[in-house]
Amino acid sequence: MPAVVPPSTAADRRGSLRVADRVFAKIAARAARDALDGAWAGRAERGAPPRVSVSVPGRTATVRVGVELPFPADLAALARQVRDRVAGQVAALTGIRVAEVTVVVERLLPATGGE
């Protein structure tokens, strides 16, 4: 029978958890992609997957998300959706506070498919 650890064990004796930066990046990329799903609805061409970099010094994260967006569209609203979804998902799934999410629009894809 496995040993049972009493719930009163002090936090410093239970150990710690380290989440790799690439895990934060995957969570952020998925959140950004999900935030933009509606914007791409009905279009034959979709933008490239979001490009994400994350820095987690201590207990806060800073995220940079590069996205391609459909055009015409309300670009500011789409960027806000990405920012809010990324910050919420990263915080919810990791327990780390997100200090900043920078959304960079790297390319616009017109509805006609041209540049």
N, C-alpha and C. Protein backbone atom coordinates (compact mmCIF):
# COMPACT_ATOMS: atom_id res chain seq x y z
N MET A 1 0.84 -1.18 0.00
CA MET A 1 0.00 0.00 0.00
C MET A 1 0.89 1.24 0.00
N PRO A 2 0.60 2.24 -0.92
CA PRO A 2 1.43 3.43 -0.98
C PRO A 2 1.29 4.29 0.27
N ALA A 3 2.36 4.99 0.58
CA ALA A 3 2.35 5.88 1.74
C ALA A 3 1.45 7.08 1.45
N VAL A 4 0.75 7.53 2.44
CA VAL A 4 -0.13 8.69 2.32
C VAL A 4 0.55 9.87 2.98
N VAL A 5 0.67 10.96 2.22
CA VAL A 5 1.28 12.17 2.76
C VAL A 5 0.19 12.99 3.43
N PRO A 6 0.37 13.32 4.68
CA PRO A 6 -0.67 14.11 5.35
C PRO A 6 -0.80 15.49 4.72
N PRO A 7 -2.02 16.04 4.64
CA PRO A 7 -2.22 17.33 4.00
C PRO A 7 -1.56 18.49 4.71
N SER A 8 -1.09 18.29 5.93
CA SER A 8 -0.48 19.37 6.68
C SER A 8 1.00 19.57 6.36
N THR A 9 1.54 18.83 5.38
CA THR A 9 2.94 18.98 5.01
C THR A 9 3.18 20.41 4.51
N ALA A 10 4.19 21.05 5.04
CA ALA A 10 4.50 22.44 4.68
C ALA A 10 4.86 22.53 3.20
N ALA A 11 4.50 23.66 2.57
CA ALA A 11 4.74 23.85 1.14
C ALA A 11 6.21 23.69 0.78
N ASP A 12 7.11 24.19 1.60
CA ASP A 12 8.54 24.10 1.27
C ASP A 12 9.05 22.67 1.31
N ARG A 13 8.32 21.77 1.90
CA ARG A 13 8.74 20.37 1.96
C ARG A 13 8.12 19.55 0.84
N ARG A 14 7.11 20.09 0.15
CA ARG A 14 6.44 19.35 -0.93
C ARG A 14 7.20 19.45 -2.24
N GLY A 15 8.10 20.39 -2.39
CA GLY A 15 8.84 20.55 -3.64
C GLY A 15 8.30 21.73 -4.42
N SER A 16 8.67 21.78 -5.70
CA SER A 16 8.24 22.90 -6.54
C SER A 16 7.94 22.38 -7.94
N LEU A 17 7.33 23.22 -8.71
CA LEU A 17 6.97 22.89 -10.08
C LEU A 17 7.59 23.92 -11.00
N ARG A 18 8.28 23.49 -12.03
CA ARG A 18 8.88 24.38 -13.02
C ARG A 18 8.26 24.06 -14.36
N VAL A 19 7.62 25.05 -14.97
CA VAL A 19 7.02 24.89 -16.28
C VAL A 19 7.95 25.52 -17.31
N ALA A 20 8.33 24.76 -18.32
CA ALA A 20 9.26 25.25 -19.34
C ALA A 20 8.63 26.37 -20.16
N ASP A 21 9.45 27.30 -20.62
CA ASP A 21 8.97 28.41 -21.43
C ASP A 21 8.24 27.93 -22.68
N ARG A 22 8.67 26.82 -23.26
CA ARG A 22 8.02 26.32 -24.47
C ARG A 22 6.59 25.89 -24.20
N VAL A 23 6.29 25.49 -22.96
CA VAL A 23 4.92 25.13 -22.59
C VAL A 23 4.06 26.40 -22.57
N PHE A 24 4.59 27.47 -21.99
CA PHE A 24 3.88 28.75 -22.01
C PHE A 24 3.62 29.17 -23.45
N ALA A 25 4.62 29.00 -24.31
CA ALA A 25 4.48 29.40 -25.71
C ALA A 25 3.40 28.59 -26.41
N LYS A 26 3.33 27.30 -26.15
CA LYS A 26 2.29 26.47 -26.78
C LYS A 26 0.90 26.86 -26.31
N ILE A 27 0.76 27.15 -25.04
CA ILE A 27 -0.53 27.60 -24.51
C ILE A 27 -0.92 28.91 -25.16
N ALA A 28 0.01 29.85 -25.25
CA ALA A 28 -0.26 31.15 -25.84
C ALA A 28 -0.60 31.04 -27.32
N ALA A 29 0.11 30.20 -28.06
CA ALA A 29 -0.16 30.03 -29.49
C ALA A 29 -1.55 29.45 -29.71
N ARG A 30 -1.92 28.47 -28.92
CA ARG A 30 -3.26 27.87 -29.06
C ARG A 30 -4.34 28.89 -28.73
N ALA A 31 -4.13 29.67 -27.68
CA ALA A 31 -5.10 30.69 -27.29
C ALA A 31 -5.26 31.74 -28.40
N ALA A 32 -4.15 32.16 -29.00
CA ALA A 32 -4.20 33.14 -30.08
C ALA A 32 -4.95 32.58 -31.29
N ARG A 33 -4.65 31.34 -31.63
CA ARG A 33 -5.33 30.69 -32.76
C ARG A 33 -6.83 30.60 -32.50
N ASP A 34 -7.20 30.20 -31.28
CA ASP A 34 -8.62 30.10 -30.93
C ASP A 34 -9.31 31.46 -30.97
N ALA A 35 -8.61 32.50 -30.54
CA ALA A 35 -9.19 33.85 -30.54
C ALA A 35 -9.49 34.34 -31.95
N LEU A 36 -8.74 33.85 -32.93
CA LEU A 36 -8.91 34.32 -34.31
C LEU A 36 -9.78 33.41 -35.17
N ASP A 37 -10.24 32.30 -34.63
CA ASP A 37 -11.03 31.35 -35.43
C ASP A 37 -12.22 32.02 -36.13
N GLY A 38 -12.96 32.83 -35.40
CA GLY A 38 -14.13 33.48 -35.98
C GLY A 38 -13.78 34.45 -37.10
N ALA A 39 -12.65 35.09 -37.00
CA ALA A 39 -12.22 36.06 -38.01
C ALA A 39 -11.92 35.38 -39.35
N TRP A 40 -11.52 34.13 -39.31
CA TRP A 40 -11.16 33.41 -40.53
C TRP A 40 -12.33 32.62 -41.10
N ALA A 41 -13.46 32.59 -40.40
CA ALA A 41 -14.62 31.81 -40.86
C ALA A 41 -15.05 32.25 -42.26
N GLY A 42 -15.30 31.28 -43.11
CA GLY A 42 -15.77 31.56 -44.46
C GLY A 42 -14.70 31.93 -45.46
N ARG A 43 -13.45 31.89 -45.04
CA ARG A 43 -12.36 32.24 -45.94
C ARG A 43 -11.59 30.99 -46.34
N ALA A 44 -11.22 30.92 -47.60
CA ALA A 44 -10.47 29.76 -48.09
C ALA A 44 -9.05 29.75 -47.54
N GLU A 45 -8.45 30.93 -47.45
CA GLU A 45 -7.07 31.04 -46.97
C GLU A 45 -7.06 31.53 -45.53
N ARG A 46 -6.22 30.89 -44.72
CA ARG A 46 -6.05 31.30 -43.32
C ARG A 46 -4.61 31.74 -43.13
N GLY A 47 -4.40 32.55 -42.11
CA GLY A 47 -3.06 33.00 -41.81
C GLY A 47 -2.20 31.89 -41.25
N ALA A 48 -0.92 32.13 -41.23
CA ALA A 48 0.04 31.18 -40.66
C ALA A 48 -0.22 31.06 -39.15
N PRO A 49 0.23 29.98 -38.54
CA PRO A 49 0.08 29.85 -37.08
C PRO A 49 0.78 31.01 -36.36
N PRO A 50 0.24 31.42 -35.23
CA PRO A 50 0.87 32.50 -34.47
C PRO A 50 2.31 32.15 -34.08
N ARG A 51 3.17 33.14 -34.09
CA ARG A 51 4.55 32.97 -33.65
C ARG A 51 4.66 33.61 -32.26
N VAL A 52 5.09 32.82 -31.31
CA VAL A 52 5.05 33.26 -29.92
C VAL A 52 6.42 33.16 -29.28
N SER A 53 6.76 34.18 -28.49
CA SER A 53 7.93 34.09 -27.61
C SER A 53 7.47 34.50 -26.22
N VAL A 54 8.03 33.85 -25.23
CA VAL A 54 7.61 34.05 -23.85
C VAL A 54 8.84 34.21 -22.97
N SER A 55 8.73 35.11 -22.02
CA SER A 55 9.76 35.27 -20.99
C SER A 55 9.06 35.15 -19.65
N VAL A 56 9.60 34.29 -18.79
CA VAL A 56 9.00 34.07 -17.48
C VAL A 56 10.07 34.23 -16.40
N PRO A 57 10.39 35.48 -16.07
CA PRO A 57 11.34 35.70 -14.98
C PRO A 57 10.58 35.69 -13.64
N GLY A 58 10.70 34.64 -12.91
CA GLY A 58 10.01 34.55 -11.62
C GLY A 58 8.57 34.12 -11.76
N ARG A 59 7.67 34.92 -11.20
CA ARG A 59 6.25 34.55 -11.16
C ARG A 59 5.38 35.37 -12.10
N THR A 60 5.96 36.02 -13.08
CA THR A 60 5.19 36.76 -14.08
C THR A 60 5.70 36.39 -15.47
N ALA A 61 4.79 36.47 -16.44
CA ALA A 61 5.15 36.14 -17.82
C ALA A 61 4.94 37.36 -18.71
N THR A 62 5.81 37.48 -19.69
CA THR A 62 5.67 38.48 -20.74
C THR A 62 5.61 37.71 -22.05
N VAL A 63 4.58 38.00 -22.86
CA VAL A 63 4.34 37.23 -24.07
C VAL A 63 4.33 38.16 -25.28
N ARG A 64 4.94 37.71 -26.37
CA ARG A 64 4.88 38.40 -27.66
C ARG A 64 4.26 37.43 -28.65
N VAL A 65 3.19 37.89 -29.33
CA VAL A 65 2.49 37.04 -30.29
C VAL A 65 2.48 37.74 -31.64
N GLY A 66 3.05 37.08 -32.64
CA GLY A 66 3.01 37.59 -34.01
C GLY A 66 1.90 36.87 -34.76
N VAL A 67 0.99 37.64 -35.36
CA VAL A 67 -0.17 37.03 -36.04
C VAL A 67 -0.32 37.59 -37.44
N GLU A 68 -0.98 36.81 -38.27
CA GLU A 68 -1.45 37.26 -39.57
C GLU A 68 -2.96 37.40 -39.44
N LEU A 69 -3.50 38.51 -39.98
CA LEU A 69 -4.92 38.78 -39.82
C LEU A 69 -5.60 38.93 -41.17
N PRO A 70 -6.90 38.62 -41.20
CA PRO A 70 -7.66 38.84 -42.43
C PRO A 70 -7.88 40.34 -42.62
N PHE A 71 -8.01 40.73 -43.91
CA PHE A 71 -8.27 42.13 -44.21
C PHE A 71 -9.32 42.19 -45.29
N PRO A 72 -10.32 43.00 -45.20
CA PRO A 72 -10.54 44.01 -44.17
C PRO A 72 -11.12 43.38 -42.91
N ALA A 73 -10.81 43.98 -41.79
CA ALA A 73 -11.32 43.56 -40.48
C ALA A 73 -11.00 44.65 -39.47
N ASP A 74 -11.64 44.58 -38.32
CA ASP A 74 -11.34 45.51 -37.24
C ASP A 74 -10.07 44.99 -36.56
N LEU A 75 -8.94 45.46 -37.01
CA LEU A 75 -7.65 44.95 -36.55
C LEU A 75 -7.43 45.18 -35.06
N ALA A 76 -7.84 46.34 -34.56
CA ALA A 76 -7.67 46.63 -33.13
C ALA A 76 -8.49 45.66 -32.29
N ALA A 77 -9.71 45.37 -32.71
CA ALA A 77 -10.56 44.44 -31.96
C ALA A 77 -9.97 43.03 -31.98
N LEU A 78 -9.46 42.61 -33.14
CA LEU A 78 -8.85 41.28 -33.22
C LEU A 78 -7.60 41.19 -32.34
N ALA A 79 -6.80 42.24 -32.33
CA ALA A 79 -5.60 42.25 -31.48
C ALA A 79 -6.00 42.18 -30.01
N ARG A 80 -7.05 42.90 -29.62
CA ARG A 80 -7.53 42.84 -28.23
C ARG A 80 -8.01 41.44 -27.88
N GLN A 81 -8.72 40.80 -28.80
CA GLN A 81 -9.20 39.43 -28.56
C GLN A 81 -8.02 38.49 -28.32
N VAL A 82 -7.01 38.62 -29.15
CA VAL A 82 -5.82 37.78 -28.98
C VAL A 82 -5.16 38.06 -27.64
N ARG A 83 -4.94 39.33 -27.33
CA ARG A 83 -4.29 39.71 -26.08
C ARG A 83 -5.06 39.16 -24.87
N ASP A 84 -6.36 39.38 -24.84
CA ASP A 84 -7.17 38.95 -23.70
C ASP A 84 -7.22 37.43 -23.57
N ARG A 85 -7.36 36.75 -24.70
CA ARG A 85 -7.44 35.28 -24.66
C ARG A 85 -6.11 34.68 -24.22
N VAL A 86 -5.00 35.20 -24.74
CA VAL A 86 -3.68 34.69 -24.37
C VAL A 86 -3.42 34.92 -22.88
N ALA A 87 -3.66 36.13 -22.40
CA ALA A 87 -3.42 36.43 -20.98
C ALA A 87 -4.28 35.54 -20.09
N GLY A 88 -5.54 35.38 -20.45
CA GLY A 88 -6.45 34.56 -19.64
C GLY A 88 -6.06 33.09 -19.60
N GLN A 89 -5.75 32.54 -20.77
CA GLN A 89 -5.42 31.11 -20.84
C GLN A 89 -4.09 30.80 -20.15
N VAL A 90 -3.10 31.62 -20.38
CA VAL A 90 -1.79 31.37 -19.75
C VAL A 90 -1.94 31.43 -18.23
N ALA A 91 -2.63 32.44 -17.73
CA ALA A 91 -2.81 32.56 -16.28
C ALA A 91 -3.64 31.41 -15.73
N ALA A 92 -4.72 31.05 -16.42
CA ALA A 92 -5.60 29.99 -15.93
C ALA A 92 -4.92 28.62 -15.90
N LEU A 93 -4.13 28.34 -16.92
CA LEU A 93 -3.53 27.00 -17.02
C LEU A 93 -2.21 26.85 -16.29
N THR A 94 -1.54 27.96 -15.98
CA THR A 94 -0.23 27.84 -15.33
C THR A 94 -0.19 28.43 -13.93
N GLY A 95 -1.13 29.31 -13.61
CA GLY A 95 -1.10 29.98 -12.31
C GLY A 95 -0.11 31.12 -12.25
N ILE A 96 0.47 31.47 -13.39
CA ILE A 96 1.45 32.56 -13.47
C ILE A 96 0.75 33.82 -13.96
N ARG A 97 1.04 34.94 -13.33
CA ARG A 97 0.46 36.22 -13.73
C ARG A 97 1.10 36.66 -15.04
N VAL A 98 0.27 37.13 -15.97
CA VAL A 98 0.77 37.63 -17.25
C VAL A 98 0.86 39.15 -17.15
N ALA A 99 2.08 39.67 -17.14
CA ALA A 99 2.30 41.10 -16.98
C ALA A 99 2.01 41.86 -18.27
N GLU A 100 2.30 41.24 -19.42
CA GLU A 100 2.16 41.95 -20.69
C GLU A 100 2.00 40.95 -21.82
N VAL A 101 1.10 41.27 -22.75
CA VAL A 101 0.97 40.52 -24.00
C VAL A 101 1.08 41.55 -25.11
N THR A 102 2.09 41.41 -25.94
CA THR A 102 2.28 42.29 -27.09
C THR A 102 1.84 41.53 -28.33
N VAL A 103 0.89 42.10 -29.05
CA VAL A 103 0.40 41.49 -30.29
C VAL A 103 0.98 42.28 -31.46
N VAL A 104 1.69 41.59 -32.32
CA VAL A 104 2.30 42.21 -33.50
C VAL A 104 1.61 41.65 -34.74
N VAL A 105 1.01 42.54 -35.52
CA VAL A 105 0.39 42.12 -36.77
C VAL A 105 1.50 42.06 -37.81
N GLU A 106 1.84 40.85 -38.23
CA GLU A 106 2.97 40.67 -39.14
C GLU A 106 2.58 40.70 -40.61
N ARG A 107 1.30 40.41 -40.87
CA ARG A 107 0.85 40.36 -42.26
C ARG A 107 -0.66 40.45 -42.31
N LEU A 108 -1.19 41.12 -43.33
CA LEU A 108 -2.62 41.17 -43.59
C LEU A 108 -2.92 40.35 -44.83
N LEU A 109 -3.95 39.52 -44.76
CA LEU A 109 -4.33 38.70 -45.91
C LEU A 109 -5.66 39.20 -46.45
N PRO A 110 -5.62 39.88 -47.60
CA PRO A 110 -6.87 40.38 -48.19
C PRO A 110 -7.81 39.24 -48.57
N ALA A 111 -9.09 39.54 -48.59
CA ALA A 111 -10.11 38.54 -48.92
C ALA A 111 -9.92 37.99 -50.32
N THR A 112 -9.34 38.76 -51.23
CA THR A 112 -9.13 38.31 -52.61
C THR A 112 -7.96 37.35 -52.73
N GLY A 113 -7.13 37.25 -51.67
CA GLY A 113 -6.00 36.35 -51.68
C GLY A 113 -4.71 36.99 -52.13
N GLY A 114 -4.76 38.25 -52.58
CA GLY A 114 -3.54 38.95 -53.00
C GLY A 114 -2.87 39.62 -51.84
N GLU A 115 -1.73 40.21 -52.08
CA GLU A 115 -1.00 40.91 -51.00
C GLU A 115 -1.39 42.34 -50.96
